[in-house]
């Protein structure tokens, strides 16, 4: 494993070395009997995240085919592991009093706070201050972005959270039910976003989670669907990844966003993993 302590070494690490180390971790992760949270699973994914957030310029599109295939498979494994971690933690939260007060116990809570702060700042800079209605697509069993936004940034906004997993929505709904005020402003729907049509026209702003649309074709199809049905002048916030972070999450590029006006693209350099692409549906 690459030593992450030596700043000199970090600055010298090459793309080839990074790919070799990621490939080793992929080999270990793909052999796991289960991706449920455990000491081994947590250790492997922690190493992977640290490796992929090193300050390194790497062009994912220029990688050899076998590395591209490994990357796609790794993103799927990351997505499944993330889902199982959230599922276990949300199940735990439904059994404790005042679950919303215990969100901080989630291992990546601080990361979500930083991401939400960054996203709200970008929205605010582009005139989205207090939207009446927001949709979050791919909210999962731990819809932390919606919780953080609704509690700290958008205190009067109504949030509709869409996920294809009924169990995830059920658990998220139980967590929100512990707070009467928040429950009034937050709903959960078990639907594939490509089946949601006219309702998409109700939202001032739509968030698209990074793991909705795991491959390029699927992602572009979802983006086209949202653009078709969202309101003119509506804002879409798309999570993406850049450089080595693209071994963890799918990449959305400007040419994937046909028919939108690009307002802002932000690539974090701290421990926040996701890039943010903010676009607007033109007013015709």
Protein backbone atom coordinates (compact mmCIF):
# COMPACT_ATOMS: atom_id res chain seq x y z
CA UNK A 1 0.00 0.00 0.00
CA UNK A 2 1.21 3.49 -0.86
CA UNK A 3 2.34 5.39 2.20
CA UNK A 4 -0.04 8.32 2.49
CA UNK A 5 2.04 10.05 5.14
CA UNK A 6 4.89 11.35 3.00
CA UNK A 7 3.93 14.58 1.25
CA UNK A 8 7.02 14.37 -0.98
CA UNK A 9 6.00 10.90 -2.14
CA UNK A 10 2.39 11.99 -2.66
CA UNK A 11 3.49 14.78 -4.99
CA UNK A 12 5.72 12.37 -6.91
CA UNK A 13 3.22 9.52 -7.35
CA UNK A 14 2.67 8.66 -10.99
CA UNK A 15 -0.54 7.69 -12.74
CA UNK A 16 0.91 4.23 -13.41
CA UNK A 17 1.65 3.66 -9.74
CA UNK A 18 -1.82 4.86 -8.74
CA UNK A 19 -3.47 2.49 -11.25
CA UNK A 20 -1.31 -0.40 -9.98
CA UNK A 21 -2.33 0.30 -6.37
CA UNK A 22 -6.02 0.74 -7.27
CA UNK A 23 -5.87 -2.54 -9.22
CA UNK A 24 -4.46 -4.35 -6.16
CA UNK A 25 -7.27 -2.99 -4.00
CA UNK A 26 -9.82 -3.95 -6.66
CA UNK A 27 -8.47 -7.52 -6.65
CA UNK A 28 -8.89 -7.71 -2.86
CA UNK A 29 -12.35 -6.09 -2.87
CA UNK A 30 -13.68 -8.30 -5.67
CA UNK A 31 -12.69 -11.42 -3.69
CA UNK A 32 -14.66 -10.42 -0.59
CA UNK A 33 -17.46 -12.80 0.36
CA UNK A 34 -19.63 -9.85 1.38
CA UNK A 35 -19.50 -6.07 0.96
CA UNK A 36 -21.38 -5.50 4.22
CA UNK A 37 -19.53 -3.27 6.70
CA UNK A 38 -16.75 -5.15 8.52
CA UNK A 39 -13.21 -4.40 9.64
CA UNK A 40 -11.78 -5.77 6.38
CA UNK A 41 -14.34 -4.09 4.10
CA UNK A 42 -14.00 -0.74 5.87
CA UNK A 43 -10.19 -0.90 5.74
CA UNK A 44 -10.07 -1.69 2.00
CA UNK A 45 -12.50 1.09 1.05
CA UNK A 46 -10.80 3.61 3.37
CA UNK A 47 -7.48 2.88 1.62
CA UNK A 48 -9.15 3.20 -1.77
CA UNK A 49 -10.71 6.58 -0.95
CA UNK A 50 -7.40 7.94 0.41
CA UNK A 51 -5.60 6.76 -2.70
CA UNK A 52 -8.17 8.25 -5.07
CA UNK A 53 -8.15 11.67 -3.39
CA UNK A 54 -4.39 12.16 -3.83
CA UNK A 55 -3.53 15.36 -5.75
CA UNK A 56 -2.86 13.69 -9.07
CA UNK A 57 -3.80 14.68 -12.62
CA UNK A 58 -5.05 11.61 -14.47
CA UNK A 59 -7.07 11.38 -17.68
CA UNK A 60 -9.57 8.56 -17.21
CA UNK A 61 -10.59 8.56 -20.90
CA UNK A 62 -7.05 7.70 -22.02
CA UNK A 63 -6.75 4.55 -19.88
CA UNK A 64 -6.36 1.14 -21.57
CA UNK A 65 -9.53 -0.91 -22.12
CA UNK A 66 -8.76 -3.40 -19.35
CA UNK A 67 -8.30 -0.54 -16.86
CA UNK A 68 -11.57 1.03 -18.05
CA UNK A 69 -13.34 -2.31 -17.46
CA UNK A 70 -11.78 -2.62 -14.00
CA UNK A 71 -12.87 0.95 -13.19
CA UNK A 72 -16.51 0.27 -14.19
CA UNK A 73 -16.55 -2.88 -12.08
CA UNK A 74 -14.95 -1.05 -9.14
CA UNK A 75 -17.55 1.75 -9.30
CA UNK A 76 -20.28 -0.90 -9.08
CA UNK A 77 -18.60 -2.53 -6.07
CA UNK A 78 -18.21 0.89 -4.40
CA UNK A 79 -21.90 1.62 -5.03
CA UNK A 80 -23.01 -1.68 -3.54
CA UNK A 81 -20.76 -1.27 -0.50
CA UNK A 82 -21.98 2.30 0.04
CA UNK A 83 -25.59 1.11 -0.16
CA UNK A 84 -24.99 -1.66 2.40
CA UNK A 85 -23.21 0.75 4.77
CA UNK A 86 -26.13 3.21 4.55
CA UNK A 87 -28.66 0.40 4.97
CA UNK A 88 -26.98 -0.90 8.12
CA UNK A 89 -26.64 2.56 9.61
CA UNK A 90 -30.19 3.70 8.80
CA UNK A 91 -31.53 0.45 10.33
CA UNK A 92 -29.55 1.25 13.49
CA UNK A 93 -30.89 4.84 13.56
CA UNK A 94 -34.53 3.71 13.40
CA UNK A 95 -33.98 1.92 16.72
CA UNK A 96 -32.57 4.84 18.70
CA UNK A 97 -34.42 7.83 20.15
CA UNK A 98 -33.98 11.08 18.18
CA UNK A 99 -32.20 9.47 15.20
CA UNK A 100 -31.58 12.82 13.48
CA UNK A 101 -29.41 13.85 16.44
CA UNK A 102 -27.22 10.81 15.82
CA UNK A 103 -26.46 11.36 12.11
CA UNK A 104 -23.01 12.53 13.16
CA UNK A 105 -22.14 8.91 14.02
CA UNK A 106 -22.26 7.97 10.33
CA UNK A 107 -18.63 7.44 9.20
CA UNK A 108 -18.80 9.91 6.29
CA UNK A 109 -21.13 12.47 7.88
CA UNK A 110 -18.46 15.21 7.93
CA UNK A 111 -17.82 14.63 4.23
CA UNK A 112 -21.52 15.07 3.44
CA UNK A 113 -21.63 18.30 5.47
CA UNK A 114 -18.71 19.69 3.42
CA UNK A 115 -20.34 18.55 0.16
CA UNK A 116 -23.70 20.11 1.11
CA UNK A 117 -21.97 23.37 2.11
CA UNK A 118 -20.14 23.44 -1.23
CA UNK A 119 -23.32 22.66 -3.18
CA UNK A 120 -25.36 25.29 -1.36
CA UNK A 121 -22.65 27.90 -1.96
CA UNK A 122 -22.69 27.07 -5.71
CA UNK A 123 -26.51 27.23 -5.79
CA UNK A 124 -26.51 30.51 -3.86
CA UNK A 125 -23.95 32.04 -6.24
CA UNK A 126 -26.28 31.16 -9.11
CA UNK A 127 -29.40 32.67 -7.58
CA UNK A 128 -30.91 29.56 -5.96
CA UNK A 129 -31.43 30.71 -2.39
CA UNK A 130 -34.74 29.43 -1.00
CA UNK A 131 -36.30 27.12 -3.61
CA UNK A 132 -39.91 26.16 -2.85
CA UNK A 133 -39.57 22.58 -4.04
CA UNK A 134 -36.52 20.36 -4.56
CA UNK A 135 -36.18 16.80 -5.87
CA UNK A 136 -33.33 14.54 -4.84
CA UNK A 137 -32.88 11.61 -7.22
CA UNK A 138 -31.18 8.55 -5.71
CA UNK A 139 -31.63 9.46 -2.04
CA UNK A 140 -31.03 5.98 -0.57
CA UNK A 141 -31.67 4.84 3.01
CA UNK A 142 -29.53 7.69 4.42
CA UNK A 143 -30.55 10.84 2.50
CA UNK A 144 -27.93 12.94 4.25
CA UNK A 145 -27.85 15.73 1.66
CA UNK A 146 -31.60 16.27 2.00
CA UNK A 147 -31.37 16.17 5.82
CA UNK A 148 -28.46 18.66 5.91
CA UNK A 149 -29.93 20.99 3.28
CA UNK A 150 -33.39 21.00 4.88
CA UNK A 151 -32.00 21.55 8.40
CA UNK A 152 -29.27 24.14 7.77
CA UNK A 153 -29.59 25.71 4.32
CA UNK A 154 -33.14 25.45 2.93
CA UNK A 155 -35.26 25.74 6.06
CA UNK A 156 -38.62 26.22 4.32
CA UNK A 157 -38.03 24.08 1.19
CA UNK A 158 -40.09 20.97 0.45
CA UNK A 159 -37.98 17.92 -0.51
CA UNK A 160 -39.18 14.98 -2.60
CA UNK A 161 -36.69 12.11 -2.45
CA UNK A 162 -36.81 9.49 -5.22
CA UNK A 163 -35.24 6.05 -4.97
CA UNK A 164 -35.98 2.72 -6.65
CA UNK A 165 -35.48 0.81 -3.38
CA UNK A 166 -38.64 0.59 -1.28
CA UNK A 167 -36.76 -0.57 1.84
CA UNK A 168 -34.40 2.42 1.58
CA UNK A 169 -37.34 4.84 1.43
CA UNK A 170 -39.10 3.10 4.30
CA UNK A 171 -36.05 3.45 6.57
CA UNK A 172 -35.41 7.07 5.54
CA UNK A 173 -39.09 7.85 6.20
CA UNK A 174 -38.85 6.36 9.70
CA UNK A 175 -35.82 8.53 10.50
CA UNK A 176 -37.61 11.71 9.32
CA UNK A 177 -40.79 10.76 11.22
CA UNK A 178 -38.93 11.54 14.46
CA UNK A 179 -39.06 15.26 13.58
CA UNK A 180 -42.58 16.59 12.97
CA UNK A 181 -41.47 19.81 11.24
CA UNK A 182 -39.07 18.04 8.90
CA UNK A 183 -41.57 15.27 8.16
CA UNK A 184 -44.00 17.87 6.80
CA UNK A 185 -41.36 19.05 4.30
CA UNK A 186 -39.87 15.73 3.25
CA UNK A 187 -41.44 12.90 1.26
CA UNK A 188 -40.05 9.65 -0.17
CA UNK A 189 -41.18 8.02 -3.40
CA UNK A 190 -40.23 4.56 -4.66
CA UNK A 191 -39.92 5.22 -8.38
CA UNK A 192 -37.43 5.05 -11.19
CA UNK A 193 -36.87 8.68 -12.18
CA UNK A 194 -37.39 7.78 -15.87
CA UNK A 195 -41.01 6.92 -14.95
CA UNK A 196 -41.54 10.37 -13.39
CA UNK A 197 -42.70 12.84 -16.03
CA UNK A 198 -45.02 15.82 -15.46
CA UNK A 199 -44.16 15.91 -11.75
CA UNK A 200 -40.56 16.85 -12.64
CA UNK A 201 -41.97 20.20 -13.80
CA UNK A 202 -42.82 21.10 -10.18
CA UNK A 203 -39.23 21.48 -8.97
CA UNK A 204 -37.10 24.61 -8.84
CA UNK A 205 -34.02 22.47 -8.38
CA UNK A 206 -33.21 18.78 -8.98
CA UNK A 207 -30.23 16.98 -7.43
CA UNK A 208 -28.89 13.91 -9.27
CA UNK A 209 -26.88 11.60 -7.00
CA UNK A 210 -23.57 10.32 -8.34
CA UNK A 211 -24.62 6.66 -8.43
CA UNK A 212 -27.83 7.18 -10.44
CA UNK A 213 -26.85 5.93 -13.87
CA UNK A 214 -23.77 3.77 -13.33
CA UNK A 215 -22.59 3.74 -16.94
CA UNK A 216 -22.40 6.53 -19.53
CA UNK A 217 -25.41 5.40 -21.63
CA UNK A 218 -27.68 5.10 -18.59
CA UNK A 219 -26.53 8.43 -17.16
CA UNK A 220 -27.12 10.28 -20.47
CA UNK A 221 -30.58 8.70 -20.80
CA UNK A 222 -31.51 9.91 -17.29
CA UNK A 223 -30.14 13.40 -17.97
CA UNK A 224 -32.14 13.63 -21.21
CA UNK A 225 -35.31 12.51 -19.42
CA UNK A 226 -34.91 15.06 -16.62
CA UNK A 227 -34.22 17.84 -19.13
CA UNK A 228 -37.32 16.93 -21.14
CA UNK A 229 -39.71 17.10 -18.20
CA UNK A 230 -38.20 19.65 -15.77
CA UNK A 231 -39.45 23.24 -15.86
CA UNK A 232 -37.87 25.87 -18.10
CA UNK A 233 -35.39 27.87 -16.05
CA UNK A 234 -35.13 25.00 -13.54
CA UNK A 235 -31.76 24.09 -12.04
CA UNK A 236 -30.15 20.64 -12.15
CA UNK A 237 -27.24 19.82 -9.86
CA UNK A 238 -25.30 16.79 -11.10
CA UNK A 239 -22.63 15.01 -9.07
CA UNK A 240 -19.60 13.84 -11.00
CA UNK A 241 -15.94 12.98 -10.39
CA UNK A 242 -12.58 14.08 -11.77
CA UNK A 243 -9.14 12.51 -11.99
CA UNK A 244 -8.45 9.58 -9.68
CA UNK A 245 -11.82 10.16 -7.96
CA UNK A 246 -13.35 8.69 -11.15
CA UNK A 247 -12.34 5.24 -9.87
CA UNK A 248 -15.03 5.75 -7.21
CA UNK A 249 -17.86 7.46 -9.11
CA UNK A 250 -19.08 7.94 -12.70
CA UNK A 251 -17.96 11.01 -14.64
CA UNK A 252 -20.38 13.49 -16.22
CA UNK A 253 -18.85 15.72 -18.89
CA UNK A 254 -20.18 18.87 -20.52
CA UNK A 255 -21.03 17.04 -23.76
CA UNK A 256 -23.30 14.70 -21.74
CA UNK A 257 -25.48 17.71 -20.89
CA UNK A 258 -26.93 18.52 -24.29
CA UNK A 259 -29.76 21.06 -24.11
CA UNK A 260 -28.66 22.58 -20.79
CA UNK A 261 -26.86 25.85 -20.06
CA UNK A 262 -23.79 25.07 -17.93
CA UNK A 263 -23.61 27.54 -15.00
CA UNK A 264 -20.77 26.16 -12.88
CA UNK A 265 -18.36 23.22 -12.64
CA UNK A 266 -16.49 22.73 -9.36
CA UNK A 267 -13.83 20.09 -8.68
CA UNK A 268 -12.93 19.92 -4.97
CA UNK A 269 -9.32 19.49 -3.90
CA UNK A 270 -10.02 18.57 -0.25
CA UNK A 271 -11.46 15.26 1.02
CA UNK A 272 -14.80 15.87 -0.71
CA UNK A 273 -14.95 13.28 -3.49
CA UNK A 274 -17.70 14.46 -5.80
CA UNK A 275 -17.39 17.22 -8.36
CA UNK A 276 -20.48 19.36 -8.93
CA UNK A 277 -21.88 20.39 -12.30
CA UNK A 278 -24.67 22.98 -12.13
CA UNK A 279 -26.86 23.47 -15.21
CA UNK A 280 -30.09 25.24 -16.15
CA UNK A 281 -32.82 24.27 -18.58
CA UNK A 282 -33.09 27.22 -20.97
CA UNK A 283 -36.24 29.35 -21.12
CA UNK A 284 -37.59 29.27 -24.66
